[in-house]
C-alpha atoms as a PDB file:
ATOM      1  CA  MET A   1       7.225  -0.645 -11.167  1.00  0.00           C
ATOM      2  CA  MET A   2       3.674  -0.307 -10.105  1.00  0.00           C
ATOM      3  CA  ILE A   3       2.350  -3.140  -8.333  1.00  0.00           C
ATOM      4  CA  GLU A   4      -1.313  -1.702  -7.744  1.00  0.00           C
ATOM      5  CA  LYS A   5      -3.471  -1.814 -10.830  1.00  0.00           C
ATOM      6  CA  ASN A   6      -0.475  -3.282 -12.921  1.00  0.00           C
ATOM      7  CA  GLN A   7      -1.462  -3.137 -16.696  1.00  0.00           C
ATOM      8  CA  LYS A   8       0.165  -6.850 -17.119  1.00  0.00           C
ATOM      9  CA  GLU A   9      -1.540  -8.358 -14.116  1.00  0.00           C
ATOM     10  CA  LEU A  10      -4.976  -6.515 -15.726  1.00  0.00           C
ATOM     11  CA  ASP A  11      -4.647  -7.891 -18.866  1.00  0.00           C
ATOM     12  CA  ALA A  12      -3.904 -11.336 -17.257  1.00  0.00           C
ATOM     13  CA  MET A  13      -7.010 -11.242 -15.637  1.00  0.00           C
ATOM     14  CA  GLU A  14      -8.960 -10.328 -18.428  1.00  0.00           C
ATOM     15  CA  GLN A  15      -7.620 -13.306 -20.525  1.00  0.00           C
ATOM     16  CA  PHE A  16      -8.719 -15.503 -17.639  1.00  0.00           C
ATOM     17  CA  HIS A  17     -12.184 -14.094 -17.679  1.00  0.00           C
ATOM     18  CA  LYS A  18     -12.157 -14.594 -21.459  1.00  0.00           C
ATOM     19  CA  GLY A  19     -11.274 -18.283 -20.560  1.00  0.00           C
ATOM     20  CA  ASN A  20      -7.755 -18.022 -22.005  1.00  0.00           C
ATOM     21  CA  ARG A  21      -6.116 -19.556 -19.130  1.00  0.00           C
ATOM     22  CA  GLN A  22      -2.826 -19.979 -20.930  1.00  0.00           C
ATOM     23  CA  GLU A  23      -2.398 -16.421 -22.012  1.00  0.00           C
ATOM     24  CA  GLY A  24      -3.320 -15.317 -18.290  1.00  0.00           C
ATOM     25  CA  LEU A  25      -0.665 -17.636 -16.439  1.00  0.00           C
ATOM     26  CA  ARG A  26       1.922 -16.390 -19.286  1.00  0.00           C
ATOM     27  CA  LEU A  27       0.908 -12.631 -18.448  1.00  0.00           C
ATOM     28  CA  GLN A  28       0.798 -13.356 -14.898  1.00  0.00           C
ATOM     29  CA  GLU A  29       4.512 -15.243 -14.913  1.00  0.00           C
ATOM     30  CA  GLU A  30       5.581 -11.889 -16.855  1.00  0.00           C
ATOM     31  CA  PHE A  31       4.382  -9.851 -14.057  1.00  0.00           C
ATOM     32  CA  ALA A  32       5.752 -12.260 -11.205  1.00  0.00           C
ATOM     33  CA  ALA A  33       9.325 -12.415 -12.754  1.00  0.00           C
ATOM     34  CA  ALA A  34       9.191  -8.577 -13.088  1.00  0.00           C
ATOM     35  CA  PHE A  35       8.270  -8.035  -9.439  1.00  0.00           C
ATOM     36  CA  ARG A  36      10.658 -10.669  -8.472  1.00  0.00           C
ATOM     37  CA  GLU A  37      13.553  -8.875 -10.371  1.00  0.00           C
ATOM     38  CA  GLU A  38      12.251  -4.974  -9.412  1.00  0.00           C
ATOM     39  CA  TYR A  39      11.834  -5.702  -5.558  1.00  0.00           C
ATOM     40  CA  LYS A  40      14.943  -8.326  -5.353  1.00  0.00           C
ATOM     41  CA  ASN A  41      16.633  -5.668  -2.846  1.00  0.00           C
ATOM     42  CA  LYS A  42      13.600  -3.311  -2.103  1.00  0.00           C
ATOM     43  CA  ASP A  43      10.818  -2.422  -0.042  1.00  0.00           C
ATOM     44  CA  HIS A  44       7.287  -3.526  -1.852  1.00  0.00           C
ATOM     45  CA  CYS A  45       5.301  -3.231   1.109  1.00  0.00           C
ATOM     46  CA  SER A  46       2.556  -0.445   0.742  1.00  0.00           C
ATOM     47  CA  CYS A  47       1.705  -0.631   4.510  1.00  0.00           C
ATOM     48  CA  LYS A  48       2.446   2.500   6.387  1.00  0.00           C
ATOM     49  CA  LYS A  49       2.538   0.936   9.801  1.00  0.00           C
ATOM     50  CA  ALA A  50       5.696   0.247  11.325  1.00  0.00           C
ATOM     51  CA  CYS A  51       5.467  -3.533  12.212  1.00  0.00           C
ATOM     52  CA  ARG A  52       7.741  -6.099  12.615  1.00  0.00           C
ATOM     53  CA  TYR A  53       6.193  -8.124   9.780  1.00  0.00           C
ATOM     54  CA  HIS A  54       6.428  -5.232   7.360  1.00  0.00           C
ATOM     55  CA  GLY A  55       7.469  -6.609   3.819  1.00  0.00           C
ATOM     56  CA  ASN A  56       6.862 -10.095   5.208  1.00  0.00           C
ATOM     57  CA  CYS A  57       3.561 -10.940   3.108  1.00  0.00           C
ATOM     58  CA  LYS A  58       3.737 -14.617   3.980  1.00  0.00           C
ATOM     59  CA  GLU A  59       3.822 -13.935   7.709  1.00  0.00           C
ATOM     60  CA  CYS A  60       1.799 -11.289   7.849  1.00  0.00           C
ATOM     61  CA  VAL A  61      -0.842 -12.752   5.659  1.00  0.00           C
ATOM     62  CA  ALA A  62      -0.785 -16.200   8.152  1.00  0.00           C
ATOM     63  CA  ILE A  63      -1.091 -13.719  11.217  1.00  0.00           C
ATOM     64  CA  HIS A  64      -4.271 -12.054   9.806  1.00  0.00           C
ATOM     65  CA  ARG A  65      -5.535 -15.232   8.501  1.00  0.00           C
ATOM     66  CA  ALA A  66      -5.164 -17.145  12.073  1.00  0.00           C
ATOM     67  CA  HIS A  67      -7.052 -14.316  14.224  1.00  0.00           C
ATOM     68  CA  GLN A  68      -9.422 -13.312  11.257  1.00  0.00           C
ATOM     69  CA  GLU A  69     -10.212 -10.183  13.096  1.00  0.00           C
ATOM     70  CA  HIS A  70      -9.426  -7.853  10.341  1.00  0.00           C
ATOM     71  CA  VAL A  71      -7.070  -8.035   7.104  1.00  0.00           C
ATOM     72  CA  PRO A  72      -3.985  -6.517   6.391  1.00  0.00           C
ATOM     73  CA  ASN A  73      -3.350  -2.988   6.326  1.00  0.00           C
ATOM     74  CA  CYS A  74      -2.074  -3.419   2.404  1.00  0.00           C
ATOM     75  CA  MET A  75      -5.588  -4.991   1.637  1.00  0.00           C
ATOM     76  CA  ARG A  76      -7.689  -2.664   2.894  1.00  0.00           C
ATOM     77  CA  PRO A  77      -7.743  -0.001  -0.078  1.00  0.00           C
ATOM     78  CA  ILE A  78      -8.901  -2.975  -2.460  1.00  0.00           C
ATOM     79  CA  ILE A  79     -11.570  -4.168  -0.332  1.00  0.00           C
ATOM     80  CA  ASN A  80     -12.677  -0.649   0.730  1.00  0.00           C
ATOM     81  CA  ALA A  81     -12.986  -0.240  -3.008  1.00  0.00           C
ATOM     82  CA  LYS A  82     -15.476  -2.881  -3.389  1.00  0.00           C
ATOM     83  CA  ILE A  83     -17.277  -2.046  -0.404  1.00  0.00           C
ATOM     84  CA  LYS A  84     -17.780   1.417  -1.547  1.00  0.00           C
ATOM     85  CA  LEU A  85     -19.530   0.030  -4.885  1.00  0.00           C
ATOM     86  CA  LEU A  86     -21.765  -2.040  -2.954  1.00  0.00           C
ATOM     87  CA  SER A  87     -22.768   1.014  -0.612  1.00  0.00           C
ATOM     88  CA  GLU A  88     -23.779   2.883  -3.511  1.00  0.00           C
ATOM     89  CA  LEU A  89     -26.495   0.553  -3.677  1.00  0.00           C
ATOM     90  CA  THR A  90     -27.957   2.337  -0.517  1.00  0.00           C
ATOM     91  CA  GLU A  91     -26.676   5.651  -1.401  1.00  0.00           C
ATOM     92  CA  HIS A  92     -23.757   5.156   1.451  1.00  0.00           C
ATOM     93  CA  THR A  93     -26.317   5.231   4.179  1.00  0.00           C
ATOM     94  CA  ILE A  94     -24.088   2.740   5.710  1.00  0.00           C
ATOM     95  CA  ALA A  95     -21.788   5.264   6.776  1.00  0.00           C
ATOM     96  CA  TYR A  96     -24.454   6.740   9.214  1.00  0.00           C
ATOM     97  CA  GLU A  97     -24.055   3.313  11.079  1.00  0.00           C
ATOM     98  CA  ILE A  98     -20.154   2.933  11.158  1.00  0.00           C
ATOM     99  CA  GLU A  99     -17.918   4.426  13.561  1.00  0.00           C
ATOM    100  CA  PRO A 100     -14.336   3.328  13.079  1.00  0.00           C
ATOM    101  CA  PRO A 101     -12.016   3.022  15.895  1.00  0.00           C
ATOM    102  CA  LYS A 102      -9.683   5.876  16.801  1.00  0.00           C
ATOM    103  CA  GLU A 103      -6.647   3.860  15.446  1.00  0.00           C
ATOM    104  CA  VAL A 104      -8.209   4.072  11.977  1.00  0.00           C
ATOM    105  CA  LEU A 105      -8.915   7.618  12.243  1.00  0.00           C
ATOM    106  CA  ARG A 106      -5.431   8.743  12.060  1.00  0.00           C
ATOM    107  CA  LYS A 107      -4.434  10.553   9.051  1.00  0.00           C
ATOM    108  CA  GLU A 108      -1.019   9.670   7.408  1.00  0.00           C
END
């Protein structure tokens, strides 16, 4: 099962945007049910960092909400894609003003 850009969930969001809440909720529950079954005994966490909270989304998100310094690694590609779209408005010149911390510069 693919989680990122899952077609069932994309279809659910399309229904929500059309104002069809019931159908959106139905599709969303189908996705959630399939997720629960597929990942009952498998690792679903996309984070590549060795972390005590790997796969424990509830605690991981709570920690990040609490310190509010940065977002969980698994959320970065989603947020970066949105930032990239906004960055197009200035021909990505923001890149000249950003120096990421050394930790982020590691290649996987």
